[in-house]
Amino acid sequence: MNRVHDWKEGLSQFWASLNNGWAKLKERAAGALTYYSPDSRDAVPRQADGSRLGVASWAYLAVDVYDEGGKLIVRVEAPGMEKEDFSYVVQGNMLTVSGAKRFERSANLKQYRILECAYGSFQRMVPLPVAVDVDKAEAAYRDGVLRIAFPKLASSTARRIEVRQG
């Protein structure tokens, strides 16, 4: 009887640990995946007969975050868009970049056979590792890369503290 109880207790602890691990993984990955809305304006192209064409969805926007002196730089790779297609918001230590990539059909093309590019609206959340001055941020879009430069707040800069003999 005691072995069965120990076995049940061990199994219960195993499931609790596994559940906790999945919850932590989900929390860490939540910002990495990009939210996609296929019903946004001009998002899903149509064929000549009016039927919708299957389109790839946004799954991941590559992001780099790095220090550059007194600034924190966030680079988002999002080719095929215009600077007006982006917006960003910072709440606490979380940057949310959103936008929409519209489908533009050339007048001389009658029908698509393969369409692998993603169209529609997206949203990507990126944790900021240091406190930044949002009011003095600068954003630019060039060659398919959105670059946002945030000045770091004075409280977020590191300084070396000497340890004295005491």
Protein backbone atom coordinates (compact mmCIF):
# COMPACT_ATOMS: atom_id res chain seq x y z
CA MET A 1 0.00 0.00 0.00
CA ASN A 2 2.84 2.38 0.86
CA ARG A 3 4.53 1.77 -2.53
CA VAL A 4 1.34 2.64 -4.41
CA HIS A 5 1.00 5.86 -2.43
CA ASP A 6 4.67 6.76 -3.14
CA TRP A 7 4.19 5.96 -6.82
CA LYS A 8 1.08 8.17 -7.04
CA GLU A 9 2.87 10.99 -5.20
CA GLY A 10 5.87 10.74 -7.56
CA LEU A 11 3.63 10.74 -10.61
CA SER A 12 1.74 13.75 -9.27
CA GLN A 13 5.00 15.66 -8.73
CA PHE A 14 6.18 14.69 -12.22
CA TRP A 15 3.00 16.07 -13.84
CA ALA A 16 3.19 19.25 -11.77
CA SER A 17 6.80 19.77 -12.84
CA LEU A 18 5.97 19.07 -16.49
CA ASN A 19 3.02 21.47 -16.37
CA ASN A 20 5.21 24.17 -14.79
CA GLY A 21 7.85 23.67 -17.50
CA TRP A 22 5.28 24.02 -20.28
CA ALA A 23 3.89 27.18 -18.67
CA LYS A 24 7.38 28.73 -18.50
CA LEU A 25 8.09 27.76 -22.12
CA LYS A 26 4.79 29.26 -23.26
CA GLU A 27 5.53 32.48 -21.36
CA ARG A 28 9.02 32.80 -22.89
CA ALA A 29 7.82 32.04 -26.42
CA ALA A 30 4.75 34.27 -26.32
CA GLY A 31 6.63 37.34 -27.53
CA ALA A 32 8.59 35.47 -30.16
CA LEU A 33 5.61 34.36 -32.20
CA THR A 34 3.81 36.93 -34.27
CA TYR A 35 0.07 37.40 -34.05
CA TYR A 36 -1.53 37.34 -37.50
CA SER A 37 -4.94 38.60 -38.58
CA PRO A 38 -5.93 37.30 -42.04
CA ASP A 39 -9.03 39.48 -42.24
CA SER A 40 -7.20 42.80 -42.44
CA ARG A 41 -7.64 45.15 -45.40
CA ASP A 42 -6.28 43.87 -48.68
CA ALA A 43 -4.73 40.98 -46.79
CA VAL A 44 -5.85 37.97 -48.77
CA PRO A 45 -5.48 38.10 -52.54
CA ARG A 46 -8.19 36.76 -54.80
CA GLN A 47 -7.93 34.94 -58.10
CA ALA A 48 -9.55 36.18 -61.30
CA ASP A 49 -12.73 34.22 -60.49
CA GLY A 50 -12.98 35.94 -57.08
CA SER A 51 -11.95 32.94 -55.00
CA ARG A 52 -9.41 33.45 -52.23
CA LEU A 53 -5.88 32.26 -52.77
CA GLY A 54 -4.12 30.45 -49.92
CA VAL A 55 -1.49 32.70 -48.37
CA ALA A 56 1.28 32.07 -45.87
CA SER A 57 0.61 33.59 -42.46
CA TRP A 58 3.02 35.55 -40.34
CA ALA A 59 4.75 33.09 -38.06
CA TYR A 60 7.87 34.86 -36.92
CA LEU A 61 9.45 38.27 -37.40
CA ALA A 62 13.19 38.16 -36.77
CA VAL A 63 14.22 40.69 -34.12
CA ASP A 64 17.63 41.77 -32.81
CA VAL A 65 18.00 43.80 -29.61
CA TYR A 66 21.42 45.19 -28.73
CA ASP A 67 23.24 47.98 -26.90
CA GLU A 68 24.92 50.73 -28.88
CA GLY A 69 26.54 53.06 -26.38
CA GLY A 70 23.80 54.93 -24.53
CA LYS A 71 21.06 53.49 -26.76
CA LEU A 72 19.13 50.27 -26.99
CA ILE A 73 18.57 49.28 -30.62
CA VAL A 74 15.72 47.06 -31.80
CA ARG A 75 15.92 45.74 -35.39
CA VAL A 76 12.88 44.06 -36.94
CA GLU A 77 13.20 42.37 -40.33
CA ALA A 78 9.98 43.03 -42.25
CA PRO A 79 10.62 43.26 -46.00
CA GLY A 80 8.17 44.54 -48.57
CA MET A 81 6.52 47.22 -46.48
CA GLU A 82 6.49 50.99 -46.20
CA LYS A 83 7.40 53.05 -43.13
CA GLU A 84 3.74 54.10 -42.78
CA ASP A 85 2.75 50.44 -42.35
CA PHE A 86 4.33 50.21 -38.86
CA SER A 87 3.43 51.37 -35.38
CA TYR A 88 4.97 50.60 -32.02
CA VAL A 89 4.00 50.97 -28.38
CA VAL A 90 6.04 50.52 -25.22
CA GLN A 91 4.28 49.49 -22.02
CA GLY A 92 6.56 48.83 -19.08
CA ASN A 93 9.44 46.80 -20.44
CA MET A 94 7.50 45.39 -23.41
CA LEU A 95 7.75 46.76 -26.96
CA THR A 96 4.87 45.87 -29.28
CA VAL A 97 5.52 46.33 -33.00
CA SER A 98 2.49 46.04 -35.25
CA GLY A 99 1.68 46.69 -38.85
CA ALA A 100 0.05 45.43 -42.01
CA LYS A 101 1.43 44.22 -45.31
CA ARG A 102 -1.10 44.74 -48.08
CA PHE A 103 -1.34 42.61 -51.17
CA GLU A 104 -0.69 44.54 -54.36
CA ARG A 105 -1.57 42.83 -57.59
CA SER A 106 0.05 44.04 -60.77
CA ALA A 107 -2.48 44.86 -63.50
CA ASN A 108 -0.78 42.62 -66.06
CA LEU A 109 -0.81 39.50 -63.86
CA LYS A 110 -4.01 37.50 -64.29
CA GLN A 111 -3.58 34.58 -61.94
CA TYR A 112 -1.11 33.52 -59.24
CA ARG A 113 0.04 29.90 -59.15
CA ILE A 114 2.18 30.06 -56.01
CA LEU A 115 2.00 32.67 -53.27
CA GLU A 116 4.27 32.12 -50.26
CA CYS A 117 4.62 35.67 -48.95
CA ALA A 118 2.65 36.64 -45.85
CA TYR A 119 0.05 39.41 -46.08
CA GLY A 120 -2.21 40.94 -43.49
CA SER A 121 -1.69 42.52 -40.12
CA PHE A 122 0.83 41.36 -37.54
CA GLN A 123 1.89 42.10 -34.00
CA ARG A 124 5.18 41.16 -32.34
CA MET A 125 6.02 41.66 -28.67
CA VAL A 126 9.66 42.15 -27.65
CA PRO A 127 10.86 42.41 -24.03
CA LEU A 128 13.24 45.33 -23.48
CA PRO A 129 16.13 44.35 -21.17
CA VAL A 130 16.73 47.89 -19.79
CA ALA A 131 14.66 50.98 -19.01
CA VAL A 132 14.40 53.31 -22.03
CA ASP A 133 13.23 56.85 -22.75
CA VAL A 134 10.27 56.23 -25.06
CA ASP A 135 9.69 59.95 -25.69
CA LYS A 136 13.12 60.32 -27.35
CA ALA A 137 12.97 57.14 -29.44
CA GLU A 138 13.73 57.32 -33.17
CA ALA A 139 12.41 54.85 -35.73
CA ALA A 140 13.48 54.36 -39.35
CA TYR A 141 12.62 51.80 -42.02
CA ARG A 142 15.16 51.04 -44.74
CA ASP A 143 15.92 48.05 -46.95
CA GLY A 144 13.30 45.87 -45.27
CA VAL A 145 14.50 46.54 -41.72
CA LEU A 146 12.70 48.61 -39.09
CA ARG A 147 15.25 50.11 -36.68
CA ILE A 148 14.10 51.69 -33.42
CA ALA A 149 16.71 53.46 -31.26
CA PHE A 150 15.75 54.03 -27.62
CA PRO A 151 17.97 56.20 -25.40
CA LYS A 152 18.64 54.29 -22.19
CA LEU A 153 17.50 55.93 -18.97
CA ALA A 154 20.28 56.90 -16.57
CA SER A 155 19.03 54.40 -14.00
CA SER A 156 19.61 51.55 -16.44
CA THR A 157 23.30 52.20 -17.11
CA ALA A 158 25.72 49.94 -15.33
CA ARG A 159 28.54 51.27 -13.21
CA ARG A 160 31.36 49.49 -11.50
CA ILE A 161 31.46 49.58 -7.71
CA GLU A 162 34.81 49.06 -6.10
CA VAL A 163 34.91 46.76 -3.10
CA ARG A 164 37.05 48.12 -0.27
CA GLN A 165 38.71 46.29 2.55
CA GLY A 166 36.57 46.66 5.46
